[in-house]
Structure formats: structure tokens, C-alpha cells
């Protein structure tokens, strides 16, 4: 087939030899099956911000570190250069997350390169060598649902221990090969410690995955893994191999509102001082 314009730089660099066929088109990217030497991989072409339908992207970008201060200032000012850098950061966030999660023991596709908005990565296949189906296209018995759900909770735990929350996890962002589930689509992954929405995103991720597996094993619908995982994380007691029960009881302790307000005021004062230092350094 004709080589898409965005993949041409990878062909010119010798990273891709042939574009075989389109694989899928999503809200944030188009994916193609490509040949790289003797290996079959996939090329994910990220859509520009104005063509993406990913809602409230700014919520996911909160807390992301930008190594270069000039880039950070440009992104804050929303200049043309800043918008370009923001797009670059959105795309490379997935590459960084894939490497980090693979090291943490989470099954994700292996990344090979990211060139001008195109991510070249492993193509996940089934036992017969065909593209692995998404979880939403897979049926299973109750025993398999319980087993795979437990594995997904293990992956969510390992992700959080690595400092990340997927942020858009569902049956549509999980592939299933002969060894089990593989988590995909991570450009929106959030920094658990720096993003104020991290807890909400994690609970939503867990609830969506549990709801799907609960279609086959209804007993899973009565579990509260998300709240248990986050509570252990906040207490500093969450580890990659923490044994989870799925049980959680809400605290009846009355919140110290004054203490919370003092923390907010201190954080605001600290941010004002930081902004002042940035202005003085410019």
C-alpha cells in the first residue's frame, strides 16, 4: 500500500521497510502494520491536538515534569513553540511509560522508536500469529475472568508502585494474547504523586476493568480493589507484590478541615514563591 506521509521519515531512516495495512483508527492515533526487516511491528501515528477527541487532556498533563526550563515557559505561554513542545511531550509520555512499566513487570508492547509523532512498537499477536484481539472482543468463563482480573489488579498495583496511573484503562485498551492481557494506549498516563486527579483516575480504571470481568464473574462486582490499592499507596504500604483482598471499608474518622486548609494555603504560598523565582530568572 501507499506509505502514509507521516511514516516516510521512518522509511528514510531505515526503521521501516514496508507498510502492510492499516490496523485501527482511534481517538488519538492511527495504527499501521509495518515490516521492519524480518519482523512485523506496528506504527502508531499520533493525531494533532486539534484532530484528537481525547477529552480534557490538560487534566492528564498536570504534574508532568519538563526537563528544559525554556520549554516549560513556552508551554505555559502557549506559544507556537510551546504547543509543539506540548505535543512532543504528550507523544513521548507513552514511550517513557512503556519502558518504565516493562521494567516494573507490567505487560505492555515493547517500544522501538518515536520519530516525528510516530511510535514504532511491538505488534501483539495471538497464538496463530494474527493481531491479538481487544479484551472487549474476548469471551471467557468465570474462572478465566477471575484469573485475568487478578492479573490486571496486579498490573495496576505495579503501575502505581512505578509512579503511574493509566488514566484511560478499559476493555478497549487491553489486548489479549495466549499469555493473557497486555495493556496498551498510555500517552495520557499520569504521575501518581504529582497529579491531583490520580486517585480519581485510578478508581475509574479499576472500576471499568472490574465491570467488564464482572460480566463473566459477577462476584467481582462486589469488590473494592481500587479503594484498597489507593489506601495502601497513600499509607506507603503498597508494594509490587502486595496481596490484595478486594475488601475496603470507608473511614468514619471526621476530617480535620482546618488542617486541610492550612496545607492548601501552604501549597499556594509555595507556588507563588516558585512563580516569583521563575519571573526573576527570566
Protein backbone atom coordinates (compact mmCIF):
# COMPACT_ATOMS: atom_id res chain seq x y z
CA UNK A 1 0.00 0.00 0.00
CA UNK A 2 0.98 3.65 -0.33
CA UNK A 3 3.21 4.80 2.52
CA UNK A 4 1.47 7.36 4.75
CA UNK A 5 3.28 10.71 4.73
CA UNK A 6 3.95 10.60 8.48
CA UNK A 7 5.72 7.22 8.20
CA UNK A 8 8.07 8.36 5.41
CA UNK A 9 10.75 9.65 7.86
CA UNK A 10 10.95 6.15 9.41
CA UNK A 11 11.33 4.63 5.93
CA UNK A 12 14.05 7.14 5.07
CA UNK A 13 15.85 6.34 8.33
CA UNK A 14 15.70 2.60 7.58
CA UNK A 15 13.43 1.85 10.52
CA UNK A 16 10.50 0.70 8.35
CA UNK A 17 10.78 -1.27 5.10
CA UNK A 18 7.12 -1.69 4.18
CA UNK A 19 3.67 -0.55 5.29
CA UNK A 20 1.48 -3.65 5.08
CA UNK A 21 -2.00 -2.41 6.04
CA UNK A 22 -3.99 -0.19 8.41
CA UNK A 23 -4.66 -1.82 11.77
CA UNK A 24 -7.01 0.60 13.50
CA UNK A 25 -8.03 4.23 13.80
CA UNK A 26 -8.73 5.66 17.24
CA UNK A 27 -9.48 8.91 19.02
CA UNK A 28 -5.83 9.81 19.37
CA UNK A 29 -3.94 7.86 16.71
CA UNK A 30 -3.97 5.74 13.56
CA UNK A 31 -2.07 2.45 13.69
CA UNK A 32 -0.50 0.55 10.77
CA UNK A 33 1.07 -2.89 10.50
CA UNK A 34 4.60 -2.48 9.13
CA UNK A 35 7.57 -4.66 8.23
CA UNK A 36 10.95 -3.87 9.74
CA UNK A 37 13.46 -6.25 8.18
CA UNK A 38 12.23 -9.73 9.05
CA UNK A 39 9.94 -8.52 11.87
CA UNK A 40 6.33 -7.36 11.74
CA UNK A 41 5.64 -4.41 14.03
CA UNK A 42 3.13 -1.59 14.28
CA UNK A 43 3.47 2.14 13.71
CA UNK A 44 1.23 4.42 15.76
CA UNK A 45 0.70 7.84 14.16
CA UNK A 46 -0.43 10.35 16.77
CA UNK A 47 -3.10 12.78 15.65
CA UNK A 48 -2.53 16.50 16.12
CA UNK A 49 -4.18 18.06 19.17
CA UNK A 50 -6.97 19.70 17.10
CA UNK A 51 -7.78 16.33 15.50
CA UNK A 52 -7.75 14.30 18.71
CA UNK A 53 -11.01 13.62 20.50
CA UNK A 54 -9.32 12.86 23.82
CA UNK A 55 -11.27 14.99 26.29
CA UNK A 56 -9.72 17.23 28.96
CA UNK A 57 -6.13 16.32 28.09
CA UNK A 58 -4.91 19.09 30.38
CA UNK A 59 -6.08 17.09 33.41
CA UNK A 60 -3.73 14.27 32.46
CA UNK A 61 -0.75 16.54 31.80
CA UNK A 62 -0.83 18.10 35.28
CA UNK A 63 2.37 17.38 37.18
CA UNK A 64 4.38 16.15 34.20
CA UNK A 65 8.00 17.21 34.50
CA UNK A 66 9.62 19.18 31.68
CA UNK A 67 13.40 18.87 31.78
CA UNK A 68 14.14 22.09 29.88
CA UNK A 69 13.09 25.36 31.57
CA UNK A 70 12.77 27.17 28.20
CA UNK A 71 10.33 24.52 27.01
CA UNK A 72 8.37 24.73 30.25
CA UNK A 73 7.97 28.51 29.92
CA UNK A 74 6.92 28.20 26.27
CA UNK A 75 4.33 25.58 27.17
CA UNK A 76 2.92 27.81 29.89
CA UNK A 77 2.63 30.73 27.44
CA UNK A 78 1.00 28.52 24.77
CA UNK A 79 3.25 29.93 22.08
CA UNK A 80 3.65 28.14 18.75
CA UNK A 81 6.87 26.61 20.01
CA UNK A 82 5.18 25.79 23.29
CA UNK A 83 2.31 23.99 21.57
CA UNK A 84 4.82 21.98 19.54
CA UNK A 85 6.68 21.04 22.71
CA UNK A 86 3.44 20.08 24.43
CA UNK A 87 2.59 17.74 21.57
CA UNK A 88 6.07 16.25 21.71
CA UNK A 89 5.71 15.71 25.48
CA UNK A 90 2.28 14.05 25.01
CA UNK A 91 3.71 11.60 22.48
CA UNK A 92 6.91 10.79 24.37
CA UNK A 93 4.93 10.25 27.58
CA UNK A 94 3.77 6.94 26.13
CA UNK A 95 7.31 5.88 25.23
CA UNK A 96 8.56 6.73 28.72
CA UNK A 97 5.61 4.90 30.30
CA UNK A 98 6.15 1.78 28.17
CA UNK A 99 9.80 1.49 29.19
CA UNK A 100 9.03 2.20 32.85
CA UNK A 101 6.16 -0.30 33.05
CA UNK A 102 8.04 -3.06 31.26
CA UNK A 103 10.78 -2.68 33.87
CA UNK A 104 8.10 -2.84 36.58
CA UNK A 105 6.77 -6.19 35.36
CA UNK A 106 3.67 -4.91 33.57
CA UNK A 107 2.90 -6.48 30.20
CA UNK A 108 2.94 -3.70 27.59
CA UNK A 109 4.10 -3.56 23.95
CA UNK A 110 7.84 -3.07 23.53
CA UNK A 111 8.68 0.36 22.05
CA UNK A 112 11.44 0.68 19.44
CA UNK A 113 11.48 4.32 18.35
CA UNK A 114 9.41 7.52 18.30
CA UNK A 115 10.13 9.72 15.28
CA UNK A 116 8.20 12.92 14.48
CA UNK A 117 4.98 11.79 16.09
CA UNK A 118 5.14 8.14 15.02
CA UNK A 119 5.71 5.42 17.63
CA UNK A 120 7.20 2.19 16.31
CA UNK A 121 6.46 -0.70 18.66
CA UNK A 122 5.84 -4.39 19.08
CA UNK A 123 2.78 -5.90 17.41
CA UNK A 124 0.95 -8.08 19.94
CA UNK A 125 -0.23 -11.29 18.26
CA UNK A 126 -2.29 -14.33 19.23
CA UNK A 127 -1.07 -17.93 19.18
CA UNK A 128 -1.67 -18.15 15.42
CA UNK A 129 0.33 -15.03 14.60
CA UNK A 130 -2.65 -12.77 13.97
CA UNK A 131 -3.16 -9.41 15.68
CA UNK A 132 -4.33 -10.04 19.24
CA UNK A 133 -7.95 -9.05 19.91
CA UNK A 134 -9.01 -6.36 22.33
CA UNK A 135 -10.46 -7.51 25.63
CA UNK A 136 -13.92 -6.28 24.64
CA UNK A 137 -13.91 -8.82 21.79
CA UNK A 138 -12.98 -11.75 24.05
CA UNK A 139 -15.44 -14.07 25.84
CA UNK A 140 -14.41 -16.24 28.77
CA UNK A 141 -15.73 -18.44 31.56
CA UNK A 142 -15.97 -17.29 35.17
CA UNK A 143 -12.72 -18.96 36.22
CA UNK A 144 -10.75 -17.24 33.46
CA UNK A 145 -12.37 -13.89 34.29
CA UNK A 146 -11.35 -14.13 37.94
CA UNK A 147 -7.81 -15.15 37.00
CA UNK A 148 -7.32 -12.37 34.44
CA UNK A 149 -8.93 -9.76 36.70
CA UNK A 150 -6.48 -10.67 39.48
CA UNK A 151 -3.62 -10.27 37.00
CA UNK A 152 -4.92 -6.85 35.93
CA UNK A 153 -5.13 -5.75 39.57
CA UNK A 154 -1.50 -6.88 39.91
CA UNK A 155 -0.57 -4.75 36.90
CA UNK A 156 -2.45 -1.72 38.27
CA UNK A 157 -0.57 -2.18 41.55
CA UNK A 158 2.79 -2.40 39.80
CA UNK A 159 1.96 0.65 37.71
CA UNK A 160 1.17 2.65 40.82
CA UNK A 161 4.34 1.45 42.54
CA UNK A 162 6.20 2.72 39.45
CA UNK A 163 4.51 6.09 39.96
CA UNK A 164 1.94 5.88 37.16
CA UNK A 165 -1.82 5.62 36.71
CA UNK A 166 -3.07 4.62 33.24
CA UNK A 167 -5.93 7.14 33.29
CA UNK A 168 -7.97 5.59 30.46
CA UNK A 169 -7.94 1.89 31.25
CA UNK A 170 -10.86 -0.17 29.97
CA UNK A 171 -11.63 -3.29 27.95
CA UNK A 172 -10.80 -1.23 24.84
CA UNK A 173 -7.21 -0.53 25.96
CA UNK A 174 -6.24 -4.11 26.74
CA UNK A 175 -5.15 -6.74 24.22
CA UNK A 176 -5.32 -10.48 24.95
CA UNK A 177 -2.71 -12.89 23.59
CA UNK A 178 -2.03 -16.51 24.52
CA UNK A 179 -0.34 -15.43 27.77
CA UNK A 180 -3.10 -13.10 28.95
CA UNK A 181 -3.84 -9.36 29.00
CA UNK A 182 -1.47 -6.70 27.61
CA UNK A 183 -2.06 -3.03 28.49
CA UNK A 184 -1.88 -0.51 25.64
CA UNK A 185 -2.51 3.21 24.91
CA UNK A 186 -0.55 5.18 27.51
CA UNK A 187 0.03 8.77 26.27
CA UNK A 188 -2.36 10.06 28.95
CA UNK A 189 -0.69 8.15 31.83
CA UNK A 190 -0.46 10.42 34.87
CA UNK A 191 2.14 10.94 37.57
CA UNK A 192 0.50 9.46 40.67
CA UNK A 193 2.36 11.72 43.09
CA UNK A 194 2.07 14.99 41.14
CA UNK A 195 -1.39 14.85 39.57
CA UNK A 196 -4.34 15.83 41.76
CA UNK A 197 -6.65 13.66 39.67
CA UNK A 198 -4.59 10.49 40.10
CA UNK A 199 -6.85 8.87 42.70
CA UNK A 200 -9.99 9.55 40.68
CA UNK A 201 -8.38 8.16 37.53
CA UNK A 202 -7.16 5.03 39.29
CA UNK A 203 -10.57 4.31 40.82
CA UNK A 204 -12.19 4.78 37.42
CA UNK A 205 -9.63 2.49 35.76
CA UNK A 206 -10.21 -0.28 38.28
CA UNK A 207 -13.99 0.09 38.21
CA UNK A 208 -14.13 -0.14 34.40
CA UNK A 209 -11.94 -3.23 34.25
CA UNK A 210 -13.83 -4.86 37.12
CA UNK A 211 -17.18 -4.11 35.47
CA UNK A 212 -16.07 -5.90 32.31
CA UNK A 213 -14.73 -9.01 34.01
CA UNK A 214 -17.81 -8.88 36.23
CA UNK A 215 -19.92 -9.68 33.18
CA UNK A 216 -18.45 -13.19 33.37
CA UNK A 217 -17.81 -13.44 37.12
CA UNK A 218 -20.50 -11.34 38.89
CA UNK A 219 -18.87 -11.81 42.30
CA UNK A 220 -16.16 -9.37 41.20
CA UNK A 221 -18.71 -6.56 41.17
CA UNK A 222 -18.81 -6.59 44.98
CA UNK A 223 -15.05 -5.97 45.32
CA UNK A 224 -13.34 -2.63 46.04
CA UNK A 225 -9.83 -3.15 44.73
CA UNK A 226 -9.39 0.46 43.62
CA UNK A 227 -10.01 1.92 47.07
CA UNK A 228 -7.84 -0.76 48.68
CA UNK A 229 -4.93 -0.13 46.31
CA UNK A 230 -5.05 3.64 46.73
CA UNK A 231 -5.34 3.46 50.53
CA UNK A 232 -2.26 1.21 50.69
CA UNK A 233 -0.42 3.58 48.34
CA UNK A 234 -1.23 6.64 50.45
CA UNK A 235 -0.12 4.82 53.60
CA UNK A 236 3.18 3.82 51.98
CA UNK A 237 2.28 0.13 52.30
CA UNK A 238 1.80 -0.72 48.63
CA UNK A 239 4.44 -2.92 47.02
CA UNK A 240 4.57 -4.63 43.61
CA UNK A 241 3.68 -8.00 45.11
CA UNK A 242 1.20 -6.81 47.76
CA UNK A 243 -1.51 -9.41 48.28
CA UNK A 244 -4.88 -7.73 47.71
CA UNK A 245 -8.19 -8.81 49.19
CA UNK A 246 -10.62 -6.63 47.25
CA UNK A 247 -12.15 -5.55 50.55
CA UNK A 248 -12.20 -1.98 51.83
CA UNK A 249 -14.16 -0.08 54.48
CA UNK A 250 -14.54 3.68 54.31
CA UNK A 251 -13.08 5.58 57.24
CA UNK A 252 -15.56 7.03 59.74
CA UNK A 253 -12.95 9.43 61.07
CA UNK A 254 -14.01 13.09 60.86
CA UNK A 255 -11.76 15.09 58.56
CA UNK A 256 -9.67 17.91 60.05
CA UNK A 257 -10.87 20.69 57.72
CA UNK A 258 -8.62 23.31 59.31
CA UNK A 259 -5.54 21.17 58.73
CA UNK A 260 -6.53 20.65 55.10
CA UNK A 261 -6.99 24.39 54.60
CA UNK A 262 -3.59 25.08 56.14
CA UNK A 263 -1.98 22.61 53.72
CA UNK A 264 -3.73 24.28 50.78
CA UNK A 265 -2.59 27.74 51.89
CA UNK A 266 0.98 26.50 52.34
CA UNK A 267 0.95 24.92 48.88
CA UNK A 268 -0.39 28.13 47.33
CA UNK A 269 2.29 30.20 49.05
CA UNK A 270 4.98 27.81 47.86
CA UNK A 271 3.68 28.01 44.28
CA UNK A 272 3.65 31.82 44.41
CA UNK A 273 7.27 31.81 45.56
CA UNK A 274 8.18 29.40 42.76
CA UNK A 275 6.49 31.59 40.14
CA UNK A 276 8.29 34.63 41.54
CA UNK A 277 11.65 32.87 41.25
CA UNK A 278 10.85 31.96 37.63
CA UNK A 279 9.98 35.58 36.82
CA UNK A 280 13.16 36.84 38.45
CA UNK A 281 15.25 34.32 36.50
CA UNK A 282 13.80 35.39 33.13
